[in-house]
Structure formats: C-alpha cells, structure tokens
Amino acid sequence: MKKDLVRKGLLIAALVLILIGLDKGGFRDVKNKAARICYECIGIG
C-alpha cells in the first residue's frame, strides 16, 4: 500500500518536471547538445 503511494507520487512528480522542462524549451536544448556531440564523434564539429 505505502509502496504504491510512493510510486504514484514519483510518477506524478516526474511527469510534472517533464512538462515544466518542455514548457521551458528543454527539449530543444537537449536535442542541440546531442547533435553537437554526435557531430564531434564523427569529426564534423
């Protein structure tokens, strides 16, 4: 019972933080950093 409550609380907290990150443009930042790292790995950037 208590374990389920903790799991649900963590799930709700994670979803709220994901939505806040999306609202602030976090997805764009992560995508740009990932692309930059990828370019550096293959020697373009």
C-alpha atoms as a PDB file:
ATOM      1  CA  MET A   1       0.000   0.000   0.000  1.00  0.00           C
ATOM      2  CA  LYS A   2       2.661   2.522   1.035  1.00  0.00           C
ATOM      3  CA  LYS A   3       4.912   1.363  -1.798  1.00  0.00           C
ATOM      4  CA  ASP A   4       2.166   2.061  -4.348  1.00  0.00           C
ATOM      5  CA  LEU A   5       1.641   5.541  -2.936  1.00  0.00           C
ATOM      6  CA  VAL A   6       5.362   6.326  -3.241  1.00  0.00           C
ATOM      7  CA  ARG A   7       5.445   5.017  -6.814  1.00  0.00           C
ATOM      8  CA  LYS A   8       2.428   7.102  -7.817  1.00  0.00           C
ATOM      9  CA  GLY A   9       3.928  10.182  -6.161  1.00  0.00           C
ATOM     10  CA  LEU A  10       7.219   9.735  -8.010  1.00  0.00           C
ATOM     11  CA  LEU A  11       5.398   9.198 -11.295  1.00  0.00           C
ATOM     12  CA  ILE A  12       3.369  12.379 -10.837  1.00  0.00           C
ATOM     13  CA  ALA A  13       6.486  14.341  -9.845  1.00  0.00           C
ATOM     14  CA  ALA A  14       8.355  13.041 -12.912  1.00  0.00           C
ATOM     15  CA  LEU A  15       5.503  13.974 -15.237  1.00  0.00           C
ATOM     16  CA  VAL A  16       5.259  17.464 -13.747  1.00  0.00           C
ATOM     17  CA  LEU A  17       9.003  18.025 -14.142  1.00  0.00           C
ATOM     18  CA  ILE A  18       8.933  16.744 -17.729  1.00  0.00           C
ATOM     19  CA  LEU A  19       6.101  19.134 -18.578  1.00  0.00           C
ATOM     20  CA  ILE A  20       7.948  22.056 -16.972  1.00  0.00           C
ATOM     21  CA  GLY A  21      11.059  21.182 -18.985  1.00  0.00           C
ATOM     22  CA  LEU A  22       9.096  21.003 -22.219  1.00  0.00           C
ATOM     23  CA  ASP A  23       7.446  24.331 -21.456  1.00  0.00           C
ATOM     24  CA  LYS A  24      10.826  25.997 -20.939  1.00  0.00           C
ATOM     25  CA  GLY A  25      12.303  24.609 -24.179  1.00  0.00           C
ATOM     26  CA  GLY A  26      14.417  21.915 -22.565  1.00  0.00           C
ATOM     27  CA  PHE A  27      13.779  19.500 -25.421  1.00  0.00           C
ATOM     28  CA  ARG A  28      15.403  21.894 -27.886  1.00  0.00           C
ATOM     29  CA  ASP A  29      18.488  22.265 -25.684  1.00  0.00           C
ATOM     30  CA  VAL A  30      18.901  18.525 -25.253  1.00  0.00           C
ATOM     31  CA  LYS A  31      18.448  17.918 -28.983  1.00  0.00           C
ATOM     32  CA  ASN A  32      21.048  20.562 -29.868  1.00  0.00           C
ATOM     33  CA  LYS A  33      23.575  19.164 -27.388  1.00  0.00           C
ATOM     34  CA  ALA A  34      23.014  15.620 -28.652  1.00  0.00           C
ATOM     35  CA  ALA A  35      23.518  16.700 -32.254  1.00  0.00           C
ATOM     36  CA  ARG A  36      26.689  18.590 -31.313  1.00  0.00           C
ATOM     37  CA  ILE A  37      28.121  15.563 -29.524  1.00  0.00           C
ATOM     38  CA  CYS A  38      27.225  13.354 -32.480  1.00  0.00           C
ATOM     39  CA  TYR A  39      28.962  15.699 -34.916  1.00  0.00           C
ATOM     40  CA  GLU A  40      32.074  15.745 -32.739  1.00  0.00           C
ATOM     41  CA  CYS A  41      32.137  11.928 -32.652  1.00  0.00           C
ATOM     42  CA  ILE A  42      32.224  11.654 -36.433  1.00  0.00           C
ATOM     43  CA  GLY A  43      34.677  14.516 -36.806  1.00  0.00           C
ATOM     44  CA  ILE A  44      32.482  17.180 -38.406  1.00  0.00           C
ATOM     45  CA  GLY A  45      32.079  19.592 -35.492  1.00  0.00           C
END
